[in-house]
Protein backbone atom coordinates (compact mmCIF):
# COMPACT_ATOMS: atom_id res chain seq x y z
CA MET A 1 -132.72 1.50 18.61
CA SER A 2 -132.08 5.21 17.36
CA LEU A 3 -128.80 6.92 17.18
CA THR A 4 -128.16 9.49 19.87
CA GLN A 5 -126.41 12.89 19.27
CA ARG A 6 -123.33 11.26 20.89
CA ASP A 7 -123.36 8.42 18.46
CA LEU A 8 -123.65 10.79 15.57
CA ASN A 9 -120.59 12.78 17.04
CA ALA A 10 -118.64 9.60 17.47
CA ILE A 11 -119.36 8.57 13.62
CA LYS A 12 -118.53 12.02 12.44
CA ASP A 13 -115.31 11.94 14.31
CA LEU A 14 -114.55 8.55 12.92
CA ILE A 15 -115.13 9.81 9.32
CA GLY A 16 -113.03 12.82 9.85
CA ILE A 17 -110.03 10.73 11.23
CA THR A 18 -110.24 8.25 8.35
CA ILE A 19 -110.44 10.99 5.81
CA ASP A 20 -107.39 12.86 7.57
CA GLU A 21 -105.47 9.66 7.59
CA ALA A 22 -106.15 9.04 3.80
CA MET A 23 -105.32 12.53 2.78
CA GLY A 24 -102.30 12.42 4.95
CA LYS A 25 -100.92 9.20 3.05
CA LYS A 26 -101.82 10.94 -0.28
CA LEU A 27 -99.94 14.03 0.41
CA ASP A 28 -96.94 12.15 1.71
CA GLU A 29 -96.98 10.21 -1.40
CA LYS A 30 -97.18 13.28 -3.72
CA LEU A 31 -94.60 15.15 -1.56
CA SER A 32 -92.06 12.31 -1.46
CA LYS A 33 -91.45 13.14 -5.28
CA PHE A 34 -90.05 16.57 -4.47
CA LEU A 35 -86.43 17.13 -3.14
CA THR A 36 -85.93 18.20 0.28
CA LYS A 37 -84.75 21.67 1.01
CA GLU A 38 -81.28 20.13 1.87
CA GLU A 39 -81.07 18.27 -1.59
CA PHE A 40 -82.25 21.34 -3.45
CA PHE A 41 -79.58 23.52 -2.06
CA ASN A 42 -76.86 20.71 -2.61
CA ARG A 43 -77.86 20.55 -6.27
CA MET A 44 -78.12 24.37 -6.67
CA ASP A 45 -74.55 24.44 -5.16
CA GLU A 46 -73.48 22.17 -7.68
CA VAL A 47 -75.15 24.10 -10.67
CA MET A 48 -73.70 27.41 -9.35
CA SER A 49 -70.18 25.95 -9.23
CA GLU A 50 -70.59 24.83 -12.79
CA LEU A 51 -71.89 28.17 -13.90
CA LYS A 52 -68.99 29.86 -12.20
CA ILE A 53 -66.49 27.63 -13.89
CA ILE A 54 -68.17 28.40 -17.14
CA ARG A 55 -68.11 32.18 -16.62
CA GLU A 56 -64.40 32.02 -15.71
CA GLU A 57 -63.68 30.07 -18.80
CA THR A 58 -65.51 32.41 -21.11
CA THR A 59 -63.51 35.29 -19.61
CA VAL A 60 -60.28 33.52 -20.29
CA LEU A 61 -61.20 32.54 -23.81
CA THR A 62 -62.39 36.08 -24.54
CA HIS A 63 -59.19 37.48 -23.62
CA GLN A 64 -57.37 34.85 -25.66
CA VAL A 65 -59.56 35.36 -28.80
CA SER A 66 -59.03 39.09 -28.45
CA ASN A 67 -55.21 38.57 -28.19
CA HIS A 68 -55.08 36.33 -31.21
CA GLU A 69 -57.18 38.69 -33.23
CA ASP A 70 -54.65 41.48 -32.34
CA ARG A 71 -51.73 39.40 -33.34
CA ILE A 72 -53.44 38.33 -36.72
CA THR A 73 -54.15 41.87 -37.57
CA LYS A 74 -50.62 42.85 -37.07
CA ALA A 75 -49.53 39.90 -39.17
CA GLU A 76 -51.82 40.88 -41.83
CA ASP A 77 -50.69 44.60 -41.83
CA LYS A 78 -46.94 43.55 -41.80
CA LEU A 79 -47.57 41.31 -44.76
CA SER A 80 -49.86 43.67 -46.51
CA ILE A 81 -52.75 40.87 -46.55
CA GLN A 82 -56.13 42.37 -46.78
CA THR A 83 -59.22 40.46 -45.50
CA SER A 84 -62.67 40.91 -46.57
């Protein structure tokens, strides 16, 4: 008994379905290691919040250091202290 074209097409379709299922499982397995869009944006919100806090603290500290430097310079001038 020989295979007909219909039999060959059925085998071809079965192989295609089997490969698609195997590839789908592999792809799902690989993609499961990545963050979802929602998880990514939630983490980025956290990171951006921290960055904003750091920038605000840097601005405040820069102003404080400048203020302290001015006061030290005035005290040095008044006491006639020379710095190197």
